[in-house]
Structures are given as structure tokens and as C-alpha cells.
């Protein structure tokens, strides 16, 4: 089995039709770098005072949440002119697991919806 495994590995490294290299050339394991699509995201600009009557209600309800829930919602959705962040980035900023951030985000959205209903938000 060892000889068979070595033969298959040798074939895949040197004779596979997708990868052609010389027998004396060692394989390279370099991988291309991945560029994030979120690096060039710009923050969402604040809208003028007279056109944001609905958003004033959202920001008012957001102000009634706990600081942790505010921070998670602001980072996740790019509120107050900040850039949007992925859950992994928010977890790194807060020093918690990604699952914890997802739980905070779920609870924050639920509590924000409750606050909006109390303030008279119509769906």
C-alpha cells in the first residue's frame, strides 16, 4: 500500500494533465493571496436631517439599548457613518468568540425590534 500511495502521489504531482512539471522540479506550495472585498467599503454617509424621519426613530431606539448591543449593531450594520464589519472582526474587537457575537447580534436585533414597536414603528 505504501508503494501504491507513493505512485499515486508521484503521478498527481508530475503527470496530472492539469499540472505539468518537470520530474526534477520540486512542487511549489505557494498559494495566491486573497483580497477581501470589504477592504474598499466606504462608510454609509449620514442622511440629511429633513429626510431621515424614520431613521431618527431607529437611532432613538438604538440609544435605549445596552452599550454592548449598541456596539455590535453599529459595527455590524455600519451605523453612525462607520464601516460595516464581519462577525469575525467584531469578535476580535470585543475579544469574544464569533458565536458570542452572533448571539449578541440576534439579541440586539430582537431588543431593537421591541423598542421600535414601543415607539410606534410600523412594519
PDB file of N, CA and C in Angstrom:
ATOM      1  N   UNK A   1       0.815  -1.188   0.000  1.00  0.00           N
ATOM      2  CA  UNK A   1       0.000   0.000   0.000  1.00  0.00           C
ATOM      3  C   UNK A   1       0.860   1.253   0.000  1.00  0.00           C
ATOM      4  N   UNK A   2       2.016   1.161   0.643  1.00  0.00           N
ATOM      5  CA  UNK A   2       2.896   2.319   0.677  1.00  0.00           C
ATOM      6  C   UNK A   2       3.407   2.634  -0.715  1.00  0.00           C
ATOM      7  N   UNK A   3       3.775   1.598  -1.455  1.00  0.00           N
ATOM      8  CA  UNK A   3       4.285   1.787  -2.815  1.00  0.00           C
ATOM      9  C   UNK A   3       3.170   2.340  -3.712  1.00  0.00           C
ATOM     10  N   UNK A   4       1.961   1.828  -3.556  1.00  0.00           N
ATOM     11  CA  UNK A   4       0.833   2.321  -4.349  1.00  0.00           C
ATOM     12  C   UNK A   4       0.512   3.769  -4.034  1.00  0.00           C
ATOM     13  N   UNK A   5       0.530   4.130  -2.762  1.00  0.00           N
ATOM     14  CA  UNK A   5       0.273   5.517  -2.363  1.00  0.00           C
ATOM     15  C   UNK A   5       1.340   6.450  -2.899  1.00  0.00           C
ATOM     16  N   UNK A   6       2.597   6.016  -2.849  1.00  0.00           N
ATOM     17  CA  UNK A   6       3.683   6.835  -3.370  1.00  0.00           C
ATOM     18  C   UNK A   6       3.560   7.000  -4.883  1.00  0.00           C
ATOM     19  N   UNK A   7       3.151   5.948  -5.572  1.00  0.00           N
ATOM     20  CA  UNK A   7       2.988   6.035  -7.022  1.00  0.00           C
ATOM     21  C   UNK A   7       1.858   6.993  -7.391  1.00  0.00           C
ATOM     22  N   UNK A   8       0.760   6.953  -6.654  1.00  0.00           N
ATOM     23  CA  UNK A   8      -0.341   7.880  -6.936  1.00  0.00           C
ATOM     24  C   UNK A   8       0.066   9.319  -6.649  1.00  0.00           C
ATOM     25  N   UNK A   9       0.762   9.535  -5.557  1.00  0.00           N
ATOM     26  CA  UNK A   9       1.229  10.868  -5.226  1.00  0.00           C
ATOM     27  C   UNK A   9       2.181  11.380  -6.297  1.00  0.00           C
ATOM     28  N   UNK A  10       3.099  10.537  -6.751  1.00  0.00           N
ATOM     29  CA  UNK A  10       4.059  10.925  -7.785  1.00  0.00           C
ATOM     30  C   UNK A  10       3.316  11.272  -9.072  1.00  0.00           C
ATOM     31  N   UNK A  11       2.312  10.472  -9.444  1.00  0.00           N
ATOM     32  CA  UNK A  11       1.552  10.737 -10.654  1.00  0.00           C
ATOM     33  C   UNK A  11       0.822  12.081 -10.555  1.00  0.00           C
ATOM     34  N   UNK A  12       0.186  12.325  -9.402  1.00  0.00           N
ATOM     35  CA  UNK A  12      -0.562  13.586  -9.245  1.00  0.00           C
ATOM     36  C   UNK A  12       0.359  14.793  -9.254  1.00  0.00           C
ATOM     37  N   UNK A  13       1.577  14.640  -8.738  1.00  0.00           N
ATOM     38  CA  UNK A  13       2.493  15.771  -8.702  1.00  0.00           C
ATOM     39  C   UNK A  13       3.137  16.055 -10.057  1.00  0.00           C
ATOM     40  N   UNK A  14       3.403  15.024 -10.870  1.00  0.00           N
ATOM     41  CA  UNK A  14       4.207  15.238 -12.067  1.00  0.00           C
ATOM     42  C   UNK A  14       3.488  14.935 -13.375  1.00  0.00           C
ATOM     43  N   UNK A  15       2.509  14.046 -13.409  1.00  0.00           N
ATOM     44  CA  UNK A  15       1.914  13.641 -14.677  1.00  0.00           C
ATOM     45  C   UNK A  15       0.449  14.013 -14.833  1.00  0.00           C
ATOM     46  N   UNK A  16      -0.139  14.644 -13.860  1.00  0.00           N
ATOM     47  CA  UNK A  16      -1.543  15.028 -13.975  1.00  0.00           C
ATOM     48  C   UNK A  16      -1.682  16.011 -15.135  1.00  0.00           C
ATOM     49  N   UNK A  17      -2.682  15.848 -16.009  1.00  0.00           N
ATOM     50  CA  UNK A  17      -2.803  16.735 -17.158  1.00  0.00           C
ATOM     51  C   UNK A  17      -3.048  18.196 -16.780  1.00  0.00           C
ATOM     52  N   UNK A  18      -3.587  18.450 -15.596  1.00  0.00           N
ATOM     53  CA  UNK A  18      -3.792  19.829 -15.181  1.00  0.00           C
ATOM     54  C   UNK A  18      -2.512  20.479 -14.671  1.00  0.00           C
ATOM     55  N   UNK A  19      -1.605  19.667 -14.145  1.00  0.00           N
ATOM     56  CA  UNK A  19      -0.368  20.191 -13.580  1.00  0.00           C
ATOM     57  C   UNK A  19       0.799  19.496 -14.259  1.00  0.00           C
ATOM     58  N   UNK A  20       1.466  20.174 -15.151  1.00  0.00           N
ATOM     59  CA  UNK A  20       2.632  19.604 -15.827  1.00  0.00           C
ATOM     60  C   UNK A  20       3.895  20.254 -15.284  1.00  0.00           C
ATOM     61  N   UNK A  21       4.802  19.481 -14.743  1.00  0.00           N
ATOM     62  CA  UNK A  21       6.108  19.989 -14.335  1.00  0.00           C
ATOM     63  C   UNK A  21       7.168  18.951 -14.654  1.00  0.00           C
ATOM     64  N   UNK A  22       8.381  19.426 -14.689  1.00  0.00           N
ATOM     65  CA  UNK A  22       9.490  18.520 -14.956  1.00  0.00           C
ATOM     66  C   UNK A  22       9.702  17.609 -13.757  1.00  0.00           C
ATOM     67  N   UNK A  23      10.270  16.446 -14.045  1.00  0.00           N
ATOM     68  CA  UNK A  23      10.457  15.474 -12.970  1.00  0.00           C
ATOM     69  C   UNK A  23      11.431  15.965 -11.907  1.00  0.00           C
ATOM     70  N   UNK A  24      12.443  16.731 -12.296  1.00  0.00           N
ATOM     71  CA  UNK A  24      13.424  17.207 -11.320  1.00  0.00           C
ATOM     72  C   UNK A  24      13.017  18.527 -10.665  1.00  0.00           C
ATOM     73  N   UNK A  25      11.880  19.102 -11.062  1.00  0.00           N
ATOM     74  CA  UNK A  25      11.409  20.355 -10.474  1.00  0.00           C
ATOM     75  C   UNK A  25      10.547  20.056  -9.252  1.00  0.00           C
ATOM     76  N   UNK A  26      10.906  20.585  -8.100  1.00  0.00           N
ATOM     77  CA  UNK A  26      10.100  20.311  -6.906  1.00  0.00           C
ATOM     78  C   UNK A  26       8.766  21.055  -6.974  1.00  0.00           C
ATOM     79  N   UNK A  27       7.736  20.473  -6.400  1.00  0.00           N
ATOM     80  CA  UNK A  27       6.449  21.174  -6.399  1.00  0.00           C
ATOM     81  C   UNK A  27       6.486  22.393  -5.484  1.00  0.00           C
ATOM     82  N   UNK A  28       5.761  23.409  -5.853  1.00  0.00           N
ATOM     83  CA  UNK A  28       5.669  24.601  -5.013  1.00  0.00           C
ATOM     84  C   UNK A  28       4.300  24.619  -4.371  1.00  0.00           C
ATOM     85  N   UNK A  29       4.261  25.039  -3.141  1.00  0.00           N
ATOM     86  CA  UNK A  29       3.009  25.052  -2.406  1.00  0.00           C
ATOM     87  C   UNK A  29       2.568  26.481  -2.093  1.00  0.00           C
ATOM     88  N   UNK A  30       3.033  27.441  -2.876  1.00  0.00           N
ATOM     89  CA  UNK A  30       2.611  28.816  -2.619  1.00  0.00           C
ATOM     90  C   UNK A  30       1.165  28.992  -3.068  1.00  0.00           C
ATOM     91  N   UNK A  31       0.457  29.767  -2.327  1.00  0.00           N
ATOM     92  CA  UNK A  31      -0.952  29.994  -2.603  1.00  0.00           C
ATOM     93  C   UNK A  31      -1.137  31.479  -2.890  1.00  0.00           C
ATOM     94  N   UNK A  32      -1.962  31.827  -3.853  1.00  0.00           N
ATOM     95  CA  UNK A  32      -2.169  33.257  -4.112  1.00  0.00           C
ATOM     96  C   UNK A  32      -2.854  33.933  -2.932  1.00  0.00           C
ATOM     97  N   UNK A  33      -2.543  35.198  -2.732  1.00  0.00           N
ATOM     98  CA  UNK A  33      -3.153  35.919  -1.630  1.00  0.00           C
ATOM     99  C   UNK A  33      -4.582  36.303  -1.991  1.00  0.00           C
ATOM    100  N   UNK A  34      -5.438  36.267  -1.018  1.00  0.00           N
ATOM    101  CA  UNK A  34      -6.840  36.608  -1.208  1.00  0.00           C
ATOM    102  C   UNK A  34      -7.066  38.043  -0.757  1.00  0.00           C
ATOM    103  N   UNK A  35      -7.735  38.788  -1.578  1.00  0.00           N
ATOM    104  CA  UNK A  35      -8.025  40.177  -1.252  1.00  0.00           C
ATOM    105  C   UNK A  35      -9.479  40.257  -0.813  1.00  0.00           C
ATOM    106  N   UNK A  36      -9.704  40.865   0.326  1.00  0.00           N
ATOM    107  CA  UNK A  36     -11.057  40.972   0.860  1.00  0.00           C
ATOM    108  C   UNK A  36     -11.861  41.972   0.051  1.00  0.00           C
ATOM    109  N   UNK A  37     -13.108  41.644  -0.195  1.00  0.00           N
ATOM    110  CA  UNK A  37     -13.981  42.575  -0.900  1.00  0.00           C
ATOM    111  C   UNK A  37     -14.443  43.704   0.014  1.00  0.00           C
ATOM    112  N   UNK A  38     -14.304  43.512   1.315  1.00  0.00           N
ATOM    113  CA  UNK A  38     -14.786  44.505   2.259  1.00  0.00           C
ATOM    114  C   UNK A  38     -13.745  45.573   2.571  1.00  0.00           C
ATOM    115  N   UNK A  39     -12.514  45.444   2.052  1.00  0.00           N
ATOM    116  CA  UNK A  39     -11.488  46.426   2.348  1.00  0.00           C
ATOM    117  C   UNK A  39     -11.828  47.794   1.775  1.00  0.00           C
ATOM    118  N   UNK A  40     -12.489  47.809   0.634  1.00  0.00           N
ATOM    119  CA  UNK A  40     -12.767  49.075  -0.028  1.00  0.00           C
ATOM    120  C   UNK A  40     -14.151  49.614   0.293  1.00  0.00           C
ATOM    121  N   UNK A  41     -14.825  49.017   1.252  1.00  0.00           N
ATOM    122  CA  UNK A  41     -16.139  49.521   1.627  1.00  0.00           C
ATOM    123  C   UNK A  41     -15.996  50.890   2.270  1.00  0.00           C
ATOM    124  N   UNK A  42     -16.866  51.772   1.874  1.00  0.00           N
ATOM    125  CA  UNK A  42     -16.881  53.097   2.460  1.00  0.00           C
ATOM    126  C   UNK A  42     -18.014  53.168   3.469  1.00  0.00           C
ATOM    127  N   UNK A  43     -17.843  53.961   4.506  1.00  0.00           N
ATOM    128  CA  UNK A  43     -18.924  54.071   5.477  1.00  0.00           C
ATOM    129  C   UNK A  43     -20.162  54.701   4.845  1.00  0.00           C
ATOM    130  N   UNK A  44     -21.296  54.320   5.367  1.00  0.00           N
ATOM    131  CA  UNK A  44     -22.556  54.865   4.873  1.00  0.00           C
ATOM    132  C   UNK A  44     -22.683  56.289   5.388  1.00  0.00           C
ATOM    133  N   UNK A  45     -22.853  57.271   4.506  1.00  0.00           N
ATOM    134  CA  UNK A  45     -22.941  58.649   4.986  1.00  0.00           C
ATOM    135  C   UNK A  45     -24.251  58.886   5.729  1.00  0.00           C
ATOM    136  N   UNK A  46     -24.186  59.773   6.693  1.00  0.00           N
ATOM    137  CA  UNK A  46     -25.400  60.151   7.413  1.00  0.00           C
ATOM    138  C   UNK A  46     -26.300  60.916   6.461  1.00  0.00           C
ATOM    139  N   UNK A  47     -27.585  60.687   6.556  1.00  0.00           N
ATOM    140  CA  UNK A  47     -28.508  61.380   5.671  1.00  0.00           C
ATOM    141  C   UNK A  47     -28.886  62.725   6.272  1.00  0.00           C
ATOM    142  N   UNK A  48     -29.313  63.656   5.446  1.00  0.00           N
ATOM    143  CA  UNK A  48     -29.712  64.981   5.957  1.00  0.00           C
ATOM    144  C   UNK A  48     -30.849  64.871   6.963  1.00  0.00           C
ATOM    145  N   UNK A  49     -30.916  65.853   7.837  1.00  0.00           N
ATOM    146  CA  UNK A  49     -31.903  65.827   8.924  1.00  0.00           C
ATOM    147  C   UNK A  49     -33.336  65.739   8.424  1.00  0.00           C
ATOM    148  N   UNK A  50     -33.662  66.446   7.332  1.00  0.00           N
ATOM    149  CA  UNK A  50     -35.048  66.514   6.902  1.00  0.00           C
ATOM    150  C   UNK A  50     -35.513  65.256   6.165  1.00  0.00           C
ATOM    151  N   UNK A  51     -34.609  64.377   5.731  1.00  0.00           N
ATOM    152  CA  UNK A  51     -35.021  63.174   5.015  1.00  0.00           C
ATOM    153  C   UNK A  51     -34.968  61.918   5.864  1.00  0.00           C
ATOM    154  N   UNK A  52     -34.567  62.022   7.106  1.00  0.00           N
ATOM    155  CA  UNK A  52     -34.374  60.829   7.940  1.00  0.00           C
ATOM    156  C   UNK A  52     -35.352  60.754   9.104  1.00  0.00           C
ATOM    157  N   UNK A  53     -36.591  61.031   8.886  1.00  0.00           N
ATOM    158  CA  UNK A  53     -37.536  60.972   9.998  1.00  0.00           C
ATOM    159  C   UNK A  53     -37.696  59.545  10.503  1.00  0.00           C
ATOM    160  N   UNK A  54     -37.691  58.557   9.593  1.00  0.00           N
ATOM    161  CA  UNK A  54     -37.802  57.165  10.019  1.00  0.00           C
ATOM    162  C   UNK A  54     -36.542  56.711  10.747  1.00  0.00           C
ATOM    163  N   UNK A  55     -35.387  57.187  10.295  1.00  0.00           N
ATOM    164  CA  UNK A  55     -34.139  56.746  10.907  1.00  0.00           C
ATOM    165  C   UNK A  55     -33.924  57.372  12.275  1.00  0.00           C
ATOM    166  N   UNK A  56     -34.520  58.527  12.518  1.00  0.00           N
ATOM    167  CA  UNK A  56     -34.412  59.132  13.846  1.00  0.00           C
ATOM    168  C   UNK A  56     -35.017  58.197  14.883  1.00  0.00           C
ATOM    169  N   UNK A  57     -36.102  57.570  14.516  1.00  0.00           N
ATOM    170  CA  UNK A  57     -36.762  56.625  15.419  1.00  0.00           C
ATOM    171  C   UNK A  57     -35.861  55.421  15.691  1.00  0.00           C
ATOM    172  N   UNK A  58     -35.174  54.959  14.654  1.00  0.00           N
ATOM    173  CA  UNK A  58     -34.257  53.824  14.811  1.00  0.00           C
ATOM    174  C   UNK A  58     -33.093  54.202  15.716  1.00  0.00           C
ATOM    175  N   UNK A  59     -32.511  55.389  15.491  1.00  0.00           N
ATOM    176  CA  UNK A  59     -31.385  55.813  16.320  1.00  0.00           C
ATOM    177  C   UNK A  59     -31.823  56.073  17.761  1.00  0.00           C
ATOM    178  N   UNK A  60     -33.052  56.542  17.933  1.00  0.00           N
ATOM    179  CA  UNK A  60     -33.577  56.743  19.289  1.00  0.00           C
ATOM    180  C   UNK A  60     -33.741  55.400  20.003  1.00  0.00           C
ATOM    181  N   UNK A  61     -34.276  54.409  19.303  1.00  0.00           N
ATOM    182  CA  UNK A  61     -34.424  53.070  19.890  1.00  0.00           C
ATOM    183  C   UNK A  61     -33.059  52.443  20.144  1.00  0.00           C
ATOM    184  N   UNK A  62     -32.119  52.697  19.249  1.00  0.00           N
ATOM    185  CA  UNK A  62     -30.764  52.170  19.430  1.00  0.00           C
ATOM    186  C   UNK A  62     -30.110  52.750  20.676  1.00  0.00           C
ATOM    187  N   UNK A  63     -30.396  54.015  20.959  1.00  0.00           N
ATOM    188  CA  UNK A  63     -29.835  54.650  22.150  1.00  0.00           C
ATOM    189  C   UNK A  63     -30.358  54.070  23.445  1.00  0.00           C
ATOM    190  N   UNK A  64     -31.480  53.380  23.398  1.00  0.00           N
ATOM    191  CA  UNK A  64     -32.063  52.784  24.602  1.00  0.00           C
ATOM    192  C   UNK A  64     -31.499  51.394  24.902  1.00  0.00           C
ATOM    193  N   UNK A  65     -30.721  50.836  23.986  1.00  0.00           N
ATOM    194  CA  UNK A  65     -30.138  49.504  24.200  1.00  0.00           C
ATOM    195  C   UNK A  65     -28.894  49.599  25.068  1.00  0.00           C
ATOM    196  N   UNK A  66     -28.416  48.451  25.522  1.00  0.00           N
ATOM    197  CA  UNK A  66     -27.184  48.420  26.313  1.00  0.00           C
ATOM    198  C   UNK A  66     -25.995  48.771  25.420  1.00  0.00           C
ATOM    199  N   UNK A  67     -24.898  49.162  26.033  1.00  0.00           N
ATOM    200  CA  UNK A  67     -23.707  49.577  25.283  1.00  0.00           C
ATOM    201  C   UNK A  67     -23.167  48.443  24.414  1.00  0.00           C
ATOM    202  N   UNK A  68     -23.213  47.233  24.926  1.00  0.00           N
ATOM    203  CA  UNK A  68     -22.716  46.076  24.170  1.00  0.00           C
ATOM    204  C   UNK A  68     -23.568  45.847  22.926  1.00  0.00           C
ATOM    205  N   UNK A  69     -24.875  45.889  23.080  1.00  0.00           N
ATOM    206  CA  UNK A  69     -25.760  45.684  21.937  1.00  0.00           C
ATOM    207  C   UNK A  69     -25.640  46.824  20.941  1.00  0.00           C
ATOM    208  N   UNK A  70     -25.462  48.051  21.444  1.00  0.00           N
ATOM    209  CA  UNK A  70     -25.241  49.180  20.543  1.00  0.00           C
ATOM    210  C   UNK A  70     -23.977  48.984  19.726  1.00  0.00           C
ATOM    211  N   UNK A  71     -22.899  48.591  20.395  1.00  0.00           N
ATOM    212  CA  UNK A  71     -21.617  48.420  19.707  1.00  0.00           C
ATOM    213  C   UNK A  71     -21.703  47.342  18.638  1.00  0.00           C
ATOM    214  N   UNK A  72     -22.375  46.245  18.942  1.00  0.00           N
ATOM    215  CA  UNK A  72     -22.490  45.146  17.976  1.00  0.00           C
ATOM    216  C   UNK A  72     -23.321  45.577  16.768  1.00  0.00           C
ATOM    217  N   UNK A  73     -24.440  46.248  17.001  1.00  0.00           N
ATOM    218  CA  UNK A  73     -25.283  46.687  15.888  1.00  0.00           C
ATOM    219  C   UNK A  73     -24.590  47.752  15.035  1.00  0.00           C
ATOM    220  N   UNK A  74     -23.912  48.690  15.681  1.00  0.00           N
ATOM    221  CA  UNK A  74     -23.217  49.745  14.936  1.00  0.00           C
ATOM    222  C   UNK A  74     -22.111  49.145  14.079  1.00  0.00           C
ATOM    223  N   UNK A  75     -21.364  48.203  14.634  1.00  0.00           N
ATOM    224  CA  UNK A  75     -20.274  47.585  13.870  1.00  0.00           C
ATOM    225  C   UNK A  75     -20.798  46.683  12.758  1.00  0.00           C
ATOM    226  N   UNK A  76     -21.868  45.954  13.017  1.00  0.00           N
ATOM    227  CA  UNK A  76     -22.378  45.004  12.026  1.00  0.00           C
ATOM    228  C   UNK A  76     -23.050  45.689  10.850  1.00  0.00           C
ATOM    229  N   UNK A  77     -23.738  46.801  11.108  1.00  0.00           N
ATOM    230  CA  UNK A  77     -24.505  47.455  10.052  1.00  0.00           C
ATOM    231  C   UNK A  77     -23.930  48.795   9.615  1.00  0.00           C
ATOM    232  N   UNK A  78     -22.819  49.216  10.182  1.00  0.00           N
ATOM    233  CA  UNK A  78     -22.183  50.454   9.745  1.00  0.00           C
ATOM    234  C   UNK A  78     -23.012  51.693  10.051  1.00  0.00           C
ATOM    235  N   UNK A  79     -23.596  51.741  11.223  1.00  0.00           N
ATOM    236  CA  UNK A  79     -24.390  52.903  11.604  1.00  0.00           C
ATOM    237  C   UNK A  79     -23.489  54.040  12.063  1.00  0.00           C
ATOM    238  N   UNK A  80     -24.026  55.236  12.123  1.00  0.00           N
ATOM    239  CA  UNK A  80     -23.300  56.440  12.543  1.00  0.00           C
ATOM    240  C   UNK A  80     -22.096  56.714  11.639  1.00  0.00           C
ATOM    241  N   UNK A  81     -22.188  56.338  10.376  1.00  0.00           N
ATOM    242  CA  UNK A  81     -21.120  56.631   9.424  1.00  0.00           C
ATOM    243  C   UNK A  81     -19.909  55.722   9.508  1.00  0.00           C
ATOM    244  N   UNK A  82     -19.957  54.664  10.281  1.00  0.00           N
ATOM    245  CA  UNK A  82     -18.829  53.738  10.382  1.00  0.00           C
ATOM    246  C   UNK A  82     -18.921  52.673   9.291  1.00  0.00           C
ATOM    247  N   UNK A  83     -17.825  51.998   9.033  1.00  0.00           N
ATOM    248  CA  UNK A  83     -17.800  50.914   8.047  1.00  0.00           C
ATOM    249  C   UNK A  83     -18.427  49.660   8.650  1.00  0.00           C
ATOM    250  N   UNK A  84     -19.001  48.826   7.779  1.00  0.00           N
ATOM    251  CA  UNK A  84     -19.560  47.556   8.237  1.00  0.00           C
ATOM    252  C   UNK A  84     -18.434  46.576   8.513  1.00  0.00           C
ATOM    253  N   UNK A  85     -18.612  45.735   9.515  1.00  0.00           N
ATOM    254  CA  UNK A  85     -17.611  44.735   9.875  1.00  0.00           C
ATOM    255  C   UNK A  85     -18.236  43.350   9.847  1.00  0.00           C
ATOM    256  N   UNK A  86     -17.416  42.347   9.569  1.00  0.00           N
ATOM    257  CA  UNK A  86     -17.866  40.960   9.620  1.00  0.00           C
ATOM    258  C   UNK A  86     -17.919  40.520  11.078  1.00  0.00           C
ATOM    259  N   UNK A  87     -18.640  39.439  11.329  1.00  0.00           N
ATOM    260  CA  UNK A  87     -18.765  38.933  12.700  1.00  0.00           C
ATOM    261  C   UNK A  87     -17.408  38.548  13.283  1.00  0.00           C
ATOM    262  N   UNK A  88     -16.505  38.022  12.442  1.00  0.00           N
ATOM    263  CA  UNK A  88     -15.174  37.649  12.921  1.00  0.00           C
ATOM    264  C   UNK A  88     -14.401  38.882  13.388  1.00  0.00           C
ATOM    265  N   UNK A  89     -14.546  39.995  12.650  1.00  0.00           N
ATOM    266  CA  UNK A  89     -13.854  41.224  13.029  1.00  0.00           C
ATOM    267  C   UNK A  89     -14.419  41.801  14.324  1.00  0.00           C
ATOM    268  N   UNK A  90     -15.730  41.740  14.467  1.00  0.00           N
ATOM    269  CA  UNK A  90     -16.366  42.238  15.693  1.00  0.00           C
ATOM    270  C   UNK A  90     -15.931  41.389  16.882  1.00  0.00           C
ATOM    271  N   UNK A  91     -15.830  40.075  16.670  1.00  0.00           N
ATOM    272  CA  UNK A  91     -15.376  39.183  17.742  1.00  0.00           C
ATOM    273  C   UNK A  91     -13.957  39.541  18.166  1.00  0.00           C
ATOM    274  N   UNK A  92     -13.104  39.851  17.196  1.00  0.00           N
ATOM    275  CA  UNK A  92     -11.732  40.238  17.532  1.00  0.00           C
ATOM    276  C   UNK A  92     -11.700  41.568  18.284  1.00  0.00           C
ATOM    277  N   UNK A  93     -12.573  42.507  17.895  1.00  0.00           N
ATOM    278  CA  UNK A  93     -12.610  43.806  18.579  1.00  0.00           C
ATOM    279  C   UNK A  93     -13.087  43.663  20.019  1.00  0.00           C
ATOM    280  N   UNK A  94     -14.081  42.803  20.234  1.00  0.00           N
ATOM    281  CA  UNK A  94     -14.635  42.643  21.582  1.00  0.00           C
ATOM    282  C   UNK A  94     -13.897  41.593  22.404  1.00  0.00           C
ATOM    283  N   UNK A  95     -13.076  40.780  21.752  1.00  0.00           N
ATOM    284  CA  UNK A  95     -12.340  39.742  22.463  1.00  0.00           C
ATOM    285  C   UNK A  95     -13.197  38.561  22.868  1.00  0.00           C
ATOM    286  N   UNK A  96     -14.186  38.226  22.024  1.00  0.00           N
ATOM    287  CA  UNK A  96     -15.067  37.093  22.298  1.00  0.00           C
ATOM    288  C   UNK A  96     -15.105  36.185  21.073  1.00  0.00           C
ATOM    289  N   UNK A  97     -15.799  35.055  21.180  1.00  0.00           N
ATOM    290  CA  UNK A  97     -15.935  34.135  20.062  1.00  0.00           C
ATOM    291  C   UNK A  97     -16.910  34.681  19.019  1.00  0.00           C
ATOM    292  N   UNK A  98     -16.818  34.128  17.808  1.00  0.00           N
ATOM    293  CA  UNK A  98     -17.738  34.516  16.741  1.00  0.00           C
ATOM    294  C   UNK A  98     -19.169  34.129  17.108  1.00  0.00           C
ATOM    295  N   UNK A  99     -19.346  32.974  17.732  1.00  0.00           N
ATOM    296  CA  UNK A  99     -20.674  32.543  18.146  1.00  0.00           C
ATOM    297  C   UNK A  99     -21.300  33.489  19.161  1.00  0.00           C
ATOM    298  N   UNK A 100     -20.469  34.039  20.033  1.00  0.00           N
ATOM    299  CA  UNK A 100     -20.956  35.002  21.008  1.00  0.00           C
ATOM    300  C   UNK A 100     -21.428  36.272  20.326  1.00  0.00           C
ATOM    301  N   UNK A 101     -20.686  36.710  19.319  1.00  0.00           N
ATOM    302  CA  UNK A 101     -21.088  37.903  18.568  1.00  0.00           C
ATOM    303  C   UNK A 101     -22.407  37.655  17.852  1.00  0.00           C
ATOM    304  N   UNK A 102     -22.570  36.463  17.264  1.00  0.00           N
ATOM    305  CA  UNK A 102     -23.829  36.141  16.595  1.00  0.00           C
ATOM    306  C   UNK A 102     -24.989  36.147  17.583  1.00  0.00           C
ATOM    307  N   UNK A 103     -24.737  35.651  18.797  1.00  0.00           N
ATOM    308  CA  UNK A 103     -25.766  35.646  19.831  1.00  0.00           C
ATOM    309  C   UNK A 103     -26.098  37.072  20.263  1.00  0.00           C
ATOM    310  N   UNK A 104     -25.071  37.926  20.462  1.00  0.00           N
ATOM    311  CA  UNK A 104     -25.284  39.333  20.806  1.00  0.00           C
ATOM    312  C   UNK A 104     -26.080  40.031  19.707  1.00  0.00           C
ATOM    313  N   UNK A 105     -25.724  39.761  18.461  1.00  0.00           N
ATOM    314  CA  UNK A 105     -26.385  40.409  17.332  1.00  0.00           C
ATOM    315  C   UNK A 105     -27.856  39.997  17.254  1.00  0.00           C
ATOM    316  N   UNK A 106     -28.121  38.716  17.463  1.00  0.00           N
ATOM    317  CA  UNK A 106     -29.503  38.236  17.429  1.00  0.00           C
ATOM    318  C   UNK A 106     -30.324  38.891  18.535  1.00  0.00           C
ATOM    319  N   UNK A 107     -29.763  38.911  19.754  1.00  0.00           N
ATOM    320  CA  UNK A 107     -30.479  39.508  20.881  1.00  0.00           C
ATOM    321  C   UNK A 107     -30.658  41.012  20.683  1.00  0.00           C
ATOM    322  N   UNK A 108     -29.629  41.673  20.152  1.00  0.00           N
ATOM    323  CA  UNK A 108     -29.714  43.121  19.935  1.00  0.00           C
ATOM    324  C   UNK A 108     -30.784  43.457  18.907  1.00  0.00           C
ATOM    325  N   UNK A 109     -30.879  42.669  17.841  1.00  0.00           N
ATOM    326  CA  UNK A 109     -31.913  42.923  16.833  1.00  0.00           C
ATOM    327  C   UNK A 109     -33.304  42.690  17.416  1.00  0.00           C
ATOM    328  N   UNK A 110     -33.426  41.673  18.236  1.00  0.00           N
ATOM    329  CA  UNK A 110     -34.721  41.385  18.863  1.00  0.00           C
ATOM    330  C   UNK A 110     -35.124  42.513  19.802  1.00  0.00           C
ATOM    331  N   UNK A 111     -34.189  42.977  20.610  1.00  0.00           N
ATOM    332  CA  UNK A 111     -34.497  44.059  21.550  1.00  0.00           C
ATOM    333  C   UNK A 111     -34.739  45.379  20.815  1.00  0.00           C
ATOM    334  N   UNK A 112     -34.002  45.618  19.715  1.00  0.00           N
ATOM    335  CA  UNK A 112     -34.236  46.818  18.924  1.00  0.00           C
ATOM    336  C   UNK A 112     -35.634  46.789  18.312  1.00  0.00           C
ATOM    337  N   UNK A 113     -36.069  45.631  17.847  1.00  0.00           N
ATOM    338  CA  UNK A 113     -37.424  45.500  17.290  1.00  0.00           C
ATOM    339  C   UNK A 113     -38.471  45.766  18.361  1.00  0.00           C
ATOM    340  N   UNK A 114     -38.237  45.281  19.573  1.00  0.00           N
ATOM    341  CA  UNK A 114     -39.177  45.531  20.668  1.00  0.00           C
ATOM    342  C   UNK A 114     -39.243  47.024  20.997  1.00  0.00           C
ATOM    343  N   UNK A 115     -38.087  47.692  21.016  1.00  0.00           N
ATOM    344  CA  UNK A 115     -38.046  49.131  21.301  1.00  0.00           C
ATOM    345  C   UNK A 115     -38.754  49.916  20.202  1.00  0.00           C
ATOM    346  N   UNK A 116     -38.562  49.496  18.950  1.00  0.00           N
ATOM    347  CA  UNK A 116     -39.205  50.183  17.835  1.00  0.00           C
ATOM    348  C   UNK A 116     -40.727  50.020  17.883  1.00  0.00           C
ATOM    349  N   UNK A 117     -41.190  48.835  18.277  1.00  0.00           N
ATOM    350  CA  UNK A 117     -42.638  48.633  18.418  1.00  0.00           C
ATOM    351  C   UNK A 117     -43.200  49.524  19.515  1.00  0.00           C
ATOM    352  N   UNK A 118     -42.449  49.672  20.608  1.00  0.00           N
ATOM    353  CA  UNK A 118     -42.894  50.522  21.708  1.00  0.00           C
ATOM    354  C   UNK A 118     -42.932  51.986  21.292  1.00  0.00           C
ATOM    355  N   UNK A 119     -42.036  52.377  20.370  1.00  0.00           N
ATOM    356  CA  UNK A 119     -42.011  53.772  19.928  1.00  0.00           C
ATOM    357  C   UNK A 119     -42.998  54.036  18.777  1.00  0.00           C
ATOM    358  N   UNK A 120     -43.673  53.018  18.326  1.00  0.00           N
ATOM    359  CA  UNK A 120     -44.695  53.200  17.288  1.00  0.00           C
ATOM    360  C   UNK A 120     -44.229  52.953  15.877  1.00  0.00           C
ATOM    361  N   UNK A 121     -43.201  52.190  15.690  1.00  0.00           N
ATOM    362  CA  UNK A 121     -42.707  51.853  14.340  1.00  0.00           C
ATOM    363  C   UNK A 121     -43.719  50.949  13.655  1.00  0.00           C
ATOM    364  N   UNK A 122     -44.048  51.263  12.415  1.00  0.00           N
ATOM    365  CA  UNK A 122     -44.972  50.436  11.643  1.00  0.00           C
ATOM    366  C   UNK A 122     -44.179  49.636  10.626  1.00  0.00           C
ATOM    367  N   UNK A 123     -44.438  48.341  10.549  1.00  0.00           N
ATOM    368  CA  UNK A 123     -43.705  47.487   9.609  1.00  0.00           C
ATOM    369  C   UNK A 123     -44.286  47.584   8.234  1.00  0.00           C
TER     370      UNK A 123
END
